[in-house]
Amino acid sequence: MDLGQLYSVQPGDGVFYCWQWRVAQIEVYGHCHRRSHRVRLGSEHRHRQQFDHKPSTGVPGIGRVASAGGFTPFETVNLVAFASAPVAIGTATANASGVADVAGHLPQTPFGACGLQAVGQSSGKIASGIISVRASLAVSPNSGEPGNTVTVTGFGFAAGEAIGVEWSNPQTLLGSATANKNGTFSAQFAIPTAAAAGTDEVVARGQRTGAAAIVQITVE
């Protein structure tokens, strides 16, 4: 699907990313630091479109459905997430009432607000919303003996923030990692030698935002 091209400009107070939609000649601007967006439309598209999505919060990789209205009946509607760059995450066809239910998965994106837009491919109409991104954690393998090495991967933390990783019981600092521009990190740690057999938890906490996530692990 050819959505357009991404380019940047520097107006003097920071870098702005501009997305040029080929299908409707609409430019969407997003400030890379504040993660806010504004849309410049032609006079025929200045009215607000209906937009709703569930759930209102989410973690990267988890599916969600956005319901957007006010489009031309039966036109194609693209759902775009504004992560570190605009990413197309879903497509649907509007019904006879001009409403489209678009399913998509949130891409890897930092902690905080992430903009969503449903864009009519033929009409150029845009419906906008915001989803709150929270942190999540995964561990592989999810079981092992004391001393074994596991890989902990975190999503939805702030870009570039330091993250402390702890074992829950007994409380033990496993180490630290730094999230990339998408708020993701991956690091290897050893299961503490004092860990008892059974189910335990690994906890990751962002040192700047306080964003936290927990994942369970089985000690054999």
Protein backbone atom coordinates (compact mmCIF):
# COMPACT_ATOMS: atom_id res chain seq x y z
CA MET A 1 0.00 0.00 0.00
CA ASP A 2 1.63 3.26 -1.13
CA LEU A 3 0.77 5.84 1.52
CA GLY A 4 3.29 8.49 0.58
CA GLN A 5 6.67 9.66 1.86
CA LEU A 6 8.20 10.95 5.10
CA TYR A 7 10.51 13.97 5.13
CA SER A 8 11.79 16.38 7.80
CA VAL A 9 12.11 20.15 8.11
CA GLN A 10 13.88 22.29 10.72
CA PRO A 11 11.92 25.50 11.38
CA GLY A 12 14.28 26.61 14.14
CA ASP A 13 12.64 25.19 17.26
CA GLY A 14 13.09 21.49 16.58
CA VAL A 15 12.78 18.82 13.91
CA PHE A 16 9.34 18.26 12.42
CA TYR A 17 8.37 15.18 10.43
CA CYS A 18 6.03 15.76 7.49
CA TRP A 19 4.04 12.97 5.88
CA GLN A 20 2.81 13.60 2.33
CA TRP A 21 -0.27 11.49 1.51
CA ARG A 22 -0.32 10.83 -2.21
CA VAL A 23 -3.94 9.69 -2.31
CA ALA A 24 -5.39 12.91 -0.91
CA GLN A 25 -2.56 15.48 -0.95
CA ILE A 26 -2.83 16.01 2.82
CA GLU A 27 0.16 16.92 4.95
CA VAL A 28 0.32 15.72 8.55
CA TYR A 29 2.88 17.29 10.87
CA GLY A 30 4.14 15.72 14.12
CA HIS A 31 6.66 17.19 16.54
CA CYS A 32 9.19 14.48 17.34
CA HIS A 33 9.64 15.60 20.97
CA ARG A 34 6.12 16.47 22.05
CA ARG A 35 4.45 13.68 20.04
CA SER A 36 1.60 16.03 19.12
CA HIS A 37 0.14 16.29 15.65
CA ARG A 38 -1.87 18.78 13.65
CA VAL A 39 -3.57 18.31 10.32
CA ARG A 40 -3.85 20.82 7.49
CA LEU A 41 -6.91 20.15 5.35
CA GLY A 42 -8.65 21.80 2.46
CA SER A 43 -11.73 23.89 3.26
CA GLU A 44 -14.04 21.08 2.21
CA HIS A 45 -12.67 18.80 4.98
CA ARG A 46 -12.52 21.06 8.03
CA HIS A 47 -15.37 19.39 9.95
CA ARG A 48 -14.46 16.91 12.69
CA GLN A 49 -14.80 13.22 11.91
CA GLN A 50 -16.15 10.62 14.36
CA PHE A 51 -13.39 8.50 15.93
CA ASP A 52 -13.49 5.91 18.70
CA HIS A 53 -11.11 3.11 19.62
CA LYS A 54 -11.04 0.31 22.17
CA PRO A 55 -9.31 -0.21 24.47
CA SER A 56 -8.23 3.36 25.32
CA THR A 57 -4.82 2.17 26.54
CA GLY A 58 -2.57 -0.50 25.15
CA VAL A 59 0.85 -2.05 24.80
CA PRO A 60 2.87 -2.45 21.59
CA GLY A 61 1.91 -5.54 19.60
CA ILE A 62 -1.59 -5.88 21.05
CA GLY A 63 -4.52 -5.58 18.64
CA ARG A 64 -7.23 -2.91 18.83
CA VAL A 65 -10.18 -1.76 16.78
CA ALA A 66 -10.83 1.84 15.75
CA SER A 67 -14.30 2.87 14.63
CA ALA A 68 -14.34 6.00 12.48
CA GLY A 69 -17.26 7.70 10.71
CA GLY A 70 -17.99 10.49 8.25
CA PHE A 71 -16.29 8.85 5.29
CA THR A 72 -17.62 8.26 1.81
CA PRO A 73 -19.66 5.05 1.73
CA PHE A 74 -17.61 2.01 0.68
CA GLU A 75 -14.30 3.86 0.40
CA THR A 76 -11.07 2.33 1.71
CA VAL A 77 -9.99 3.70 5.12
CA ASN A 78 -6.40 3.33 6.37
CA LEU A 79 -5.50 3.35 10.07
CA VAL A 80 -2.15 5.02 10.83
CA ALA A 81 -0.25 5.10 14.14
CA PHE A 82 2.25 7.89 14.82
CA ALA A 83 5.12 6.07 16.53
CA SER A 84 8.66 7.32 15.85
CA ALA A 85 7.33 7.67 12.28
CA PRO A 86 3.84 7.21 10.75
CA VAL A 87 3.05 3.50 10.36
CA ALA A 88 0.05 2.03 8.52
CA ILE A 89 -1.42 -0.63 10.84
CA GLY A 90 -4.75 -1.54 9.26
CA THR A 91 -7.23 -1.11 6.43
CA ALA A 92 -11.01 -1.48 6.17
CA THR A 93 -13.90 -0.50 3.92
CA ALA A 94 -16.47 2.02 5.11
CA ASN A 95 -20.06 0.76 5.22
CA ALA A 96 -23.09 2.41 3.60
CA SER A 97 -23.22 4.92 6.48
CA GLY A 98 -19.57 5.92 5.99
CA VAL A 99 -18.37 4.12 9.14
CA ALA A 100 -15.25 1.90 9.09
CA ASP A 101 -14.15 -0.51 11.83
CA VAL A 102 -10.40 -0.89 11.34
CA ALA A 103 -8.38 -3.51 13.23
CA GLY A 104 -4.65 -3.08 13.76
CA HIS A 105 -1.75 -3.78 16.11
CA LEU A 106 0.04 -0.94 17.88
CA PRO A 107 3.67 -0.78 16.64
CA GLN A 108 6.70 -0.46 18.88
CA THR A 109 6.29 3.04 20.28
CA PRO A 110 7.46 4.87 23.43
CA PHE A 111 5.53 5.30 26.69
CA GLY A 112 2.86 8.03 26.67
CA ALA A 113 0.43 9.27 24.05
CA CYS A 114 0.41 7.83 20.54
CA GLY A 115 -1.65 9.48 17.81
CA LEU A 116 -3.99 7.43 15.63
CA GLN A 117 -5.59 8.58 12.38
CA ALA A 118 -8.14 6.96 10.09
CA VAL A 119 -7.74 8.34 6.56
CA GLY A 120 -10.24 7.99 3.73
CA GLN A 121 -8.32 6.97 0.64
CA SER A 122 -10.63 8.62 -1.89
CA SER A 123 -12.22 11.46 0.12
CA GLY A 124 -9.07 12.49 2.01
CA LYS A 125 -11.14 12.86 5.19
CA ILE A 126 -9.28 12.25 8.46
CA ALA A 127 -10.51 11.11 11.89
CA SER A 128 -8.01 11.43 14.75
CA GLY A 129 -7.60 9.98 18.23
CA ILE A 130 -5.03 9.30 20.95
CA ILE A 131 -4.12 6.05 22.69
CA SER A 132 -2.13 5.86 25.92
CA VAL A 133 0.82 3.48 25.60
CA ARG A 134 1.90 1.52 28.68
CA ALA A 135 4.89 -0.74 29.27
CA SER A 136 4.96 -4.52 28.85
CA LEU A 137 7.55 -7.21 29.45
CA ALA A 138 8.41 -10.64 28.04
CA VAL A 139 10.97 -13.27 29.10
CA SER A 140 12.47 -16.13 27.08
CA PRO A 141 12.66 -18.89 28.02
CA ASN A 142 9.91 -18.46 30.63
CA SER A 143 11.37 -21.16 32.87
CA GLY A 144 14.80 -22.27 34.05
CA GLU A 145 17.03 -23.27 36.92
CA PRO A 146 18.94 -20.88 39.22
CA GLY A 147 21.98 -19.60 37.35
CA ASN A 148 20.40 -20.07 33.91
CA THR A 149 20.42 -17.07 31.54
CA VAL A 150 17.16 -15.64 30.24
CA THR A 151 16.41 -12.80 27.82
CA VAL A 152 14.12 -10.03 29.07
CA THR A 153 12.48 -7.79 26.45
CA GLY A 154 10.54 -4.65 27.33
CA PHE A 155 8.19 -2.49 25.25
CA GLY A 156 6.48 0.84 25.79
CA PHE A 157 9.12 2.59 27.90
CA ALA A 158 10.35 6.13 27.19
CA ALA A 159 12.82 6.59 24.36
CA GLY A 160 16.39 6.52 25.66
CA GLU A 161 15.50 6.05 29.33
CA ALA A 162 17.46 3.82 31.72
CA ILE A 163 15.52 0.81 32.98
CA GLY A 164 16.21 -1.15 36.14
CA VAL A 165 15.41 -4.88 36.06
CA GLU A 166 14.77 -6.78 39.31
CA TRP A 167 13.95 -10.27 40.49
CA SER A 168 10.93 -10.22 42.79
CA ASN A 169 11.62 -12.81 45.53
CA PRO A 170 14.11 -12.46 47.00
CA GLN A 171 14.31 -8.89 45.71
CA THR A 172 17.49 -8.82 43.63
CA LEU A 173 18.77 -6.26 41.14
CA LEU A 174 19.47 -8.18 37.94
CA GLY A 175 20.91 -5.23 36.04
CA SER A 176 19.92 -2.32 33.83
CA ALA A 177 19.25 -1.55 30.18
CA THR A 178 18.51 1.46 27.97
CA ALA A 179 15.42 1.74 25.77
CA ASN A 180 15.86 2.58 22.10
CA LYS A 181 13.98 5.33 20.23
CA ASN A 182 10.87 3.13 20.14
CA GLY A 183 10.92 2.53 23.90
CA THR A 184 12.10 -1.07 23.51
CA PHE A 185 14.99 -2.89 25.18
CA SER A 186 16.34 -6.44 25.33
CA ALA A 187 18.95 -7.76 27.76
CA GLN A 188 20.14 -11.04 29.23
CA PHE A 189 20.18 -11.80 32.96
CA ALA A 190 20.87 -14.83 35.16
CA ILE A 191 18.18 -16.32 37.43
CA PRO A 192 19.43 -15.64 40.99
CA THR A 193 21.02 -18.61 42.71
CA ALA A 194 18.81 -17.92 45.76
CA ALA A 195 15.59 -18.19 43.76
CA ALA A 196 13.20 -20.83 45.13
CA ALA A 197 11.44 -23.36 42.92
CA GLY A 198 8.03 -22.21 41.68
CA THR A 199 6.55 -19.14 40.03
CA ASP A 200 8.31 -15.81 40.48
CA GLU A 201 8.37 -12.42 38.75
CA VAL A 202 10.77 -10.17 36.88
CA VAL A 203 10.06 -6.44 37.20
CA ALA A 204 11.30 -3.66 34.89
CA ARG A 205 10.92 0.00 35.84
CA GLY A 206 11.77 3.12 33.84
CA GLN A 207 14.04 5.41 35.86
CA ARG A 208 12.67 8.60 34.30
CA THR A 209 8.97 7.91 33.77
CA GLY A 210 8.33 5.31 36.46
CA ALA A 211 6.70 3.11 33.81
CA ALA A 212 6.72 -0.46 35.10
CA ALA A 213 5.97 -3.92 33.77
CA ILE A 214 5.99 -7.40 35.28
CA VAL A 215 6.38 -10.86 33.72
CA GLN A 216 6.15 -14.26 35.42
CA ILE A 217 8.86 -16.90 35.23
CA THR A 218 8.99 -20.46 36.57
CA VAL A 219 12.02 -21.61 38.54
CA GLU A 220 12.67 -25.31 38.15
